[in-house]
């Protein structure tokens, strides 16, 4: 009986020791679990002590006070984040899948000419200040979402539907980016806007067929205008060039005739002056020069005796001239 009591006591003592070891092990595991934190390479850790900011730690293995005395928030400061408006990406990859149902209220907005446009866009941003991101604005992600929607509605509301749907898309995106960054700086939410991309801009579904018909008509009009301008540019410059060429030819002809007339008049005056000085000699020289020109221009030459009764072909001067070396 006494041995049984001793064995029972021994087992109780052993169990107490084992329970104590188990409790110590559990406490150590809880302490380790609540004090060891791993910060990823694209993150930084913001540590709070009793709910108040204490420090910011770098990527790697870090330790905080256990049992909830300190708490760490991991902020992806090196990663580009994005928010989607008017749609959501359900499967990203080579063939991304999107859903739009339930998000029409985000994308449907009124333009400056009182028309409706379905504007889908993406805001790409980075967190550049973890402290401001966590503590300057309550729920910075929701605040950024509301600011993005407000900025887009403001810019779209200042433009016509044609500008938003066609030529003004890039300007709208750039203006929204600048305005949104200004709002983030004003609220000090620690966010930097990288880019605002207009994903898709369409008229509302009920009026899309009519709008497409209008676009087709406008494109056809532009095509006809371009064709007319092309034909104009092909014909008019050519006609102007031909006209200018004709004018220049006429001017050249007129200048040539005038210069030749002046030259012939000067030559006649000089010849007249020589004739006044020596009439007989000048007359004979003119006769011989004229005869020389006439004889050179004629083909077959016939010399005839002025006292003869018949024509005698005496010499073929042209043939003899051609045979000369």
Protein backbone atom coordinates (compact mmCIF):
# COMPACT_ATOMS: atom_id res chain seq x y z
CA UNK A 1 0.00 0.00 0.00
CA UNK A 2 2.74 2.36 0.90
CA UNK A 3 4.66 1.41 -2.27
CA UNK A 4 1.59 2.19 -4.33
CA UNK A 5 1.29 5.65 -2.82
CA UNK A 6 4.96 6.29 -3.48
CA UNK A 7 4.62 5.24 -7.11
CA UNK A 8 1.56 7.44 -7.51
CA UNK A 9 3.38 10.40 -6.01
CA UNK A 10 6.36 9.76 -8.24
CA UNK A 11 4.16 9.72 -11.35
CA UNK A 12 2.44 12.95 -10.27
CA UNK A 13 5.76 14.67 -9.75
CA UNK A 14 7.02 13.44 -13.10
CA UNK A 15 3.85 14.63 -14.81
CA UNK A 16 4.21 18.07 -13.20
CA UNK A 17 7.78 18.28 -14.48
CA UNK A 18 6.67 17.27 -17.99
CA UNK A 19 3.81 19.77 -17.92
CA UNK A 20 6.20 22.47 -16.81
CA UNK A 21 8.56 21.61 -19.67
CA UNK A 22 5.68 21.57 -22.12
CA UNK A 23 4.47 24.96 -20.88
CA UNK A 24 7.97 26.37 -21.14
CA UNK A 25 8.29 24.96 -24.68
CA UNK A 26 4.92 26.40 -25.66
CA UNK A 27 5.86 29.79 -24.23
CA UNK A 28 9.16 29.70 -26.12
CA UNK A 29 7.37 28.80 -29.34
CA UNK A 30 4.87 31.63 -28.83
CA UNK A 31 7.68 34.06 -28.09
CA UNK A 32 9.62 32.94 -31.18
CA UNK A 33 6.51 33.01 -33.37
CA UNK A 34 5.54 36.49 -32.22
CA UNK A 35 9.04 38.01 -32.24
CA UNK A 36 10.63 36.76 -35.48
CA UNK A 37 9.58 38.52 -38.69
CA UNK A 38 10.92 38.12 -42.22
CA UNK A 39 10.74 41.17 -44.48
CA UNK A 40 10.80 40.43 -48.22
CA UNK A 41 13.30 41.98 -50.66
CA UNK A 42 10.64 44.33 -52.10
CA UNK A 43 9.32 45.35 -48.69
CA UNK A 44 10.21 47.28 -45.58
CA UNK A 45 8.81 46.74 -42.11
CA UNK A 46 7.16 49.43 -40.03
CA UNK A 47 7.27 48.52 -36.32
CA UNK A 48 4.73 49.83 -33.81
CA UNK A 49 5.28 49.62 -30.06
CA UNK A 50 2.05 49.75 -28.05
CA UNK A 51 0.32 51.08 -31.18
CA UNK A 52 2.78 53.91 -31.75
CA UNK A 53 5.39 54.18 -34.52
CA UNK A 54 8.80 53.03 -33.31
CA UNK A 55 11.08 52.27 -36.27
CA UNK A 56 11.38 51.08 -39.87
CA UNK A 57 13.39 47.94 -40.62
CA UNK A 58 15.06 46.77 -43.84
CA UNK A 59 14.46 43.53 -45.75
CA UNK A 60 15.69 40.33 -44.10
CA UNK A 61 15.23 38.59 -40.74
CA UNK A 62 14.10 40.98 -37.99
CA UNK A 63 13.05 40.67 -34.34
CA UNK A 64 10.33 42.52 -32.49
CA UNK A 65 9.09 42.36 -28.93
CA UNK A 66 6.87 39.28 -28.48
CA UNK A 67 3.36 38.79 -27.20
CA UNK A 68 1.93 41.77 -29.08
CA UNK A 69 4.14 44.36 -27.41
CA UNK A 70 5.32 45.33 -30.89
CA UNK A 71 3.55 44.90 -34.22
CA UNK A 72 5.02 45.01 -37.73
CA UNK A 73 3.40 46.09 -41.01
CA UNK A 74 5.13 44.99 -44.22
CA UNK A 75 4.90 47.64 -46.92
CA UNK A 76 5.84 46.76 -50.58
CA UNK A 77 7.88 49.88 -51.31
CA UNK A 78 9.81 48.40 -54.27
CA UNK A 79 6.80 46.97 -56.08
CA UNK A 80 4.61 48.70 -58.64
CA UNK A 81 0.98 48.47 -57.59
CA UNK A 82 -2.14 49.22 -59.58
CA UNK A 83 -5.81 49.97 -59.20
CA UNK A 84 -8.34 49.17 -61.93
CA UNK A 85 -11.48 51.17 -62.62
CA UNK A 86 -14.50 49.96 -64.58
CA UNK A 87 -13.23 46.38 -64.72
CA UNK A 88 -11.19 43.83 -62.78
CA UNK A 89 -8.54 41.38 -63.93
CA UNK A 90 -9.51 37.85 -62.95
CA UNK A 91 -6.60 35.98 -64.59
CA UNK A 92 -3.40 37.70 -65.62
CA UNK A 93 -0.97 36.22 -68.10
CA UNK A 94 -0.61 35.70 -71.83
CA UNK A 95 -4.39 35.70 -72.24
CA UNK A 96 -5.66 37.92 -69.47
CA UNK A 97 -9.31 37.69 -68.49
CA UNK A 98 -11.40 40.63 -67.34
CA UNK A 99 -14.81 41.12 -65.85
CA UNK A 100 -16.89 44.29 -66.09
CA UNK A 101 -20.13 43.28 -64.50
CA UNK A 102 -20.74 45.21 -61.29
CA UNK A 103 -18.20 47.97 -62.00
CA UNK A 104 -20.16 50.13 -64.46
CA UNK A 105 -20.68 52.86 -61.85
CA UNK A 106 -16.93 53.47 -61.74
CA UNK A 107 -16.50 53.90 -65.50
CA UNK A 108 -19.72 55.64 -66.56
CA UNK A 109 -19.21 59.41 -66.50
CA UNK A 110 -20.60 62.62 -67.98
CA UNK A 111 -18.55 64.61 -70.52
CA UNK A 112 -18.44 68.35 -70.99
CA UNK A 113 -21.01 68.31 -73.81
CA UNK A 114 -23.49 66.37 -71.63
CA UNK A 115 -22.84 62.98 -73.24
CA UNK A 116 -22.02 59.71 -71.49
CA UNK A 117 -18.74 57.84 -71.91
CA UNK A 118 -17.69 54.47 -70.54
CA UNK A 119 -14.09 55.08 -69.43
CA UNK A 120 -11.95 52.22 -68.13
CA UNK A 121 -8.52 53.09 -66.78
CA UNK A 122 -5.63 51.81 -64.64
CA UNK A 123 -3.58 53.75 -62.09
CA UNK A 124 -0.04 52.42 -61.57
CA UNK A 125 1.69 53.68 -58.42
CA UNK A 126 4.38 53.01 -55.81
CA UNK A 127 4.57 53.54 -52.06
CA UNK A 128 7.52 55.84 -51.41
CA UNK A 129 6.91 56.72 -47.75
CA UNK A 130 5.70 53.92 -45.46
CA UNK A 131 5.08 56.20 -42.48
CA UNK A 132 2.85 58.58 -44.46
CA UNK A 133 1.13 55.66 -46.16
CA UNK A 134 0.15 54.12 -42.80
CA UNK A 135 -0.51 57.11 -40.59
CA UNK A 136 -1.21 60.28 -42.61
CA UNK A 137 -4.35 58.96 -44.29
CA UNK A 138 -6.78 56.39 -42.99
CA UNK A 139 -6.90 53.49 -45.46
CA UNK A 140 -4.67 55.01 -48.14
CA UNK A 141 -5.78 52.47 -50.78
CA UNK A 142 -9.44 53.45 -50.57
CA UNK A 143 -8.49 57.12 -50.45
CA UNK A 144 -6.39 56.73 -53.61
CA UNK A 145 -9.29 54.95 -55.30
CA UNK A 146 -11.66 57.81 -54.50
CA UNK A 147 -9.12 60.45 -55.55
CA UNK A 148 -8.48 58.68 -58.87
CA UNK A 149 -12.16 58.51 -59.66
CA UNK A 150 -12.67 62.16 -58.72
CA UNK A 151 -9.71 63.28 -60.86
CA UNK A 152 -10.87 61.30 -63.90
CA UNK A 153 -14.43 62.60 -63.65
CA UNK A 154 -13.15 66.17 -63.37
CA UNK A 155 -10.92 65.93 -66.46
CA UNK A 156 -13.48 64.06 -68.56
CA UNK A 157 -16.14 66.56 -67.52
CA UNK A 158 -14.08 69.37 -69.08
CA UNK A 159 -13.93 67.74 -72.54
CA UNK A 160 -16.31 66.68 -75.27
CA UNK A 161 -17.17 63.05 -75.86
CA UNK A 162 -15.27 63.04 -79.17
CA UNK A 163 -12.10 64.27 -77.47
CA UNK A 164 -12.36 61.59 -74.81
CA UNK A 165 -13.07 58.80 -77.30
CA UNK A 166 -10.57 59.76 -80.01
CA UNK A 167 -7.85 62.40 -80.21
CA UNK A 168 -7.84 63.53 -76.56
CA UNK A 169 -7.25 60.19 -74.85
CA UNK A 170 -3.53 60.67 -74.22
CA UNK A 171 -4.07 64.23 -73.02
CA UNK A 172 -6.76 63.04 -70.60
CA UNK A 173 -4.47 60.35 -69.16
CA UNK A 174 -1.56 62.77 -68.75
CA UNK A 175 -3.70 65.45 -67.14
CA UNK A 176 -5.26 62.96 -64.70
CA UNK A 177 -1.79 61.71 -63.76
CA UNK A 178 -0.59 65.22 -62.94
CA UNK A 179 -3.74 66.09 -61.01
CA UNK A 180 -3.72 62.83 -59.04
CA UNK A 181 -0.08 63.27 -58.06
CA UNK A 182 -0.84 66.79 -56.87
CA UNK A 183 -3.66 65.43 -54.71
CA UNK A 184 -1.39 62.72 -53.26
CA UNK A 185 1.22 65.33 -52.36
CA UNK A 186 -1.44 67.49 -50.75
CA UNK A 187 -2.77 64.62 -48.63
CA UNK A 188 0.76 63.33 -47.89
CA UNK A 189 -0.28 59.72 -48.37
CA UNK A 190 3.24 58.53 -49.32
CA UNK A 191 2.21 57.44 -52.83
CA UNK A 192 3.88 58.32 -56.14
CA UNK A 193 1.85 57.96 -59.33
CA UNK A 194 3.83 56.22 -62.08
CA UNK A 195 1.27 56.20 -64.86
CA UNK A 196 -2.40 56.54 -65.70
CA UNK A 197 -3.48 54.37 -68.63
CA UNK A 198 -6.84 54.62 -70.38
CA UNK A 199 -7.62 50.95 -70.89
CA UNK A 200 -10.72 51.36 -73.03
CA UNK A 201 -13.06 54.24 -73.81
CA UNK A 202 -16.43 53.51 -75.41
CA UNK A 203 -19.87 55.03 -75.68
CA UNK A 204 -22.57 53.37 -73.56
CA UNK A 205 -23.86 50.07 -74.93
CA UNK A 206 -27.36 51.34 -75.90
CA UNK A 207 -25.94 54.05 -78.19
CA UNK A 208 -22.83 52.24 -79.41
CA UNK A 209 -24.28 51.23 -82.85
CA UNK A 210 -25.36 54.80 -83.59
CA UNK A 211 -22.04 56.16 -82.42
CA UNK A 212 -20.19 53.68 -84.65
CA UNK A 213 -22.24 54.80 -87.63
CA UNK A 214 -21.33 58.42 -86.90
CA UNK A 215 -17.66 57.47 -86.65
CA UNK A 216 -17.82 55.61 -89.94
CA UNK A 217 -19.40 58.63 -91.60
CA UNK A 218 -16.72 60.91 -90.19
CA UNK A 219 -13.97 58.55 -91.31
CA UNK A 220 -15.47 58.39 -94.80
CA UNK A 221 -15.62 62.18 -94.87
CA UNK A 222 -11.96 62.38 -93.84
CA UNK A 223 -11.08 59.85 -96.53
CA UNK A 224 -12.83 61.88 -99.21
CA UNK A 225 -11.15 65.06 -98.01
CA UNK A 226 -7.76 63.37 -98.09
CA UNK A 227 -8.40 62.08 -101.60
CA UNK A 228 -9.44 65.54 -102.79
CA UNK A 229 -6.38 67.11 -101.21
CA UNK A 230 -4.17 64.45 -102.77
CA UNK A 231 -5.65 65.11 -106.22
CA UNK A 232 -5.32 68.84 -105.64
CA UNK A 233 -1.68 68.45 -104.63
CA UNK A 234 -1.05 66.34 -107.73
CA UNK A 235 -2.75 68.56 -110.34
CA UNK A 236 -2.38 72.13 -109.10
CA UNK A 237 1.39 72.18 -108.53
CA UNK A 238 1.91 70.55 -111.93
CA UNK A 239 -0.30 73.16 -113.63
CA UNK A 240 1.52 75.93 -111.79
CA UNK A 241 4.84 74.49 -112.86
CA UNK A 242 3.77 74.28 -116.50
CA UNK A 243 2.45 77.83 -116.36
CA UNK A 244 5.69 79.06 -114.83
CA UNK A 245 7.67 77.18 -117.48
CA UNK A 246 5.60 78.77 -120.27
CA UNK A 247 6.08 82.22 -118.76
CA UNK A 248 9.82 81.70 -118.50
CA UNK A 249 9.99 80.46 -122.09
CA UNK A 250 8.04 83.51 -123.27
CA UNK A 251 10.30 85.83 -121.28
CA UNK A 252 13.38 84.12 -122.70
CA UNK A 253 11.98 84.35 -126.25
CA UNK A 254 11.13 88.01 -125.77
CA UNK A 255 14.58 88.73 -124.34
CA UNK A 256 16.22 86.86 -127.24
CA UNK A 257 14.20 88.76 -129.84
CA UNK A 258 14.94 92.09 -128.21
CA UNK A 259 18.65 91.34 -127.93
CA UNK A 260 18.80 90.14 -131.55
CA UNK A 261 16.92 93.23 -132.70
CA UNK A 262 19.27 95.49 -130.79
CA UNK A 263 22.28 93.62 -132.20
CA UNK A 264 20.98 93.80 -135.78
CA UNK A 265 20.23 97.50 -135.34
CA UNK A 266 23.73 98.15 -134.03
CA UNK A 267 25.21 96.12 -136.91
CA UNK A 268 23.16 98.08 -139.45
CA UNK A 269 24.32 101.35 -137.91
CA UNK A 270 27.95 100.25 -138.05
CA UNK A 271 27.51 99.07 -141.66
CA UNK A 272 25.91 102.37 -142.60
CA UNK A 273 28.80 104.28 -141.10
CA UNK A 274 31.24 102.20 -143.18
CA UNK A 275 29.07 102.74 -146.29
CA UNK A 276 29.16 106.50 -145.81
CA UNK A 277 32.96 106.40 -145.69
CA UNK A 278 33.41 104.08 -148.72
CA UNK A 279 30.17 103.41 -150.59
CA UNK A 280 31.60 101.41 -153.50
CA UNK A 281 33.80 99.17 -151.42
CA UNK A 282 31.11 98.58 -148.85
CA UNK A 283 28.52 97.79 -151.49
CA UNK A 284 30.81 95.26 -153.13
CA UNK A 285 31.72 93.67 -149.80
CA UNK A 286 28.03 93.33 -148.93
CA UNK A 287 27.35 91.76 -152.30
CA UNK A 288 30.16 89.24 -151.92
CA UNK A 289 29.21 88.31 -148.37
CA UNK A 290 25.59 87.82 -149.42
CA UNK A 291 26.63 85.73 -152.39
CA UNK A 292 28.84 83.63 -150.13
CA UNK A 293 25.94 82.86 -147.82
CA UNK A 294 23.63 82.00 -150.73
CA UNK A 295 26.14 79.76 -152.47
CA UNK A 296 26.90 77.88 -149.26
CA UNK A 297 23.21 77.15 -148.71
CA UNK A 298 22.51 75.83 -152.25
CA UNK A 299 23.10 72.23 -153.25
CA UNK A 300 23.88 71.88 -156.96
CA UNK A 301 25.69 74.83 -158.57
CA UNK A 302 25.37 75.56 -162.28
CA UNK A 303 27.62 78.09 -164.03
CA UNK A 304 26.34 79.39 -167.31
CA UNK A 305 27.77 81.69 -169.93
CA UNK A 306 25.87 84.93 -170.14
CA UNK A 307 26.29 84.93 -173.94
CA UNK A 308 25.41 81.28 -174.36
CA UNK A 309 22.05 80.08 -175.57
CA UNK A 310 21.86 76.96 -173.42
CA UNK A 311 22.49 75.98 -169.80
CA UNK A 312 25.78 74.09 -169.33
CA UNK A 313 26.37 72.10 -166.10
CA UNK A 314 30.01 72.91 -165.75
CA UNK A 315 30.96 72.02 -162.19
CA UNK A 316 29.35 70.19 -159.30
CA UNK A 317 30.88 72.25 -156.54
CA UNK A 318 29.03 70.55 -153.70
CA UNK A 319 30.23 67.07 -154.71
CA UNK A 320 33.80 68.29 -155.03
CA UNK A 321 33.59 69.90 -151.61
CA UNK A 322 32.42 66.63 -150.00
CA UNK A 323 35.29 64.72 -151.67
CA UNK A 324 37.91 67.02 -150.24
CA UNK A 325 39.84 65.58 -147.26
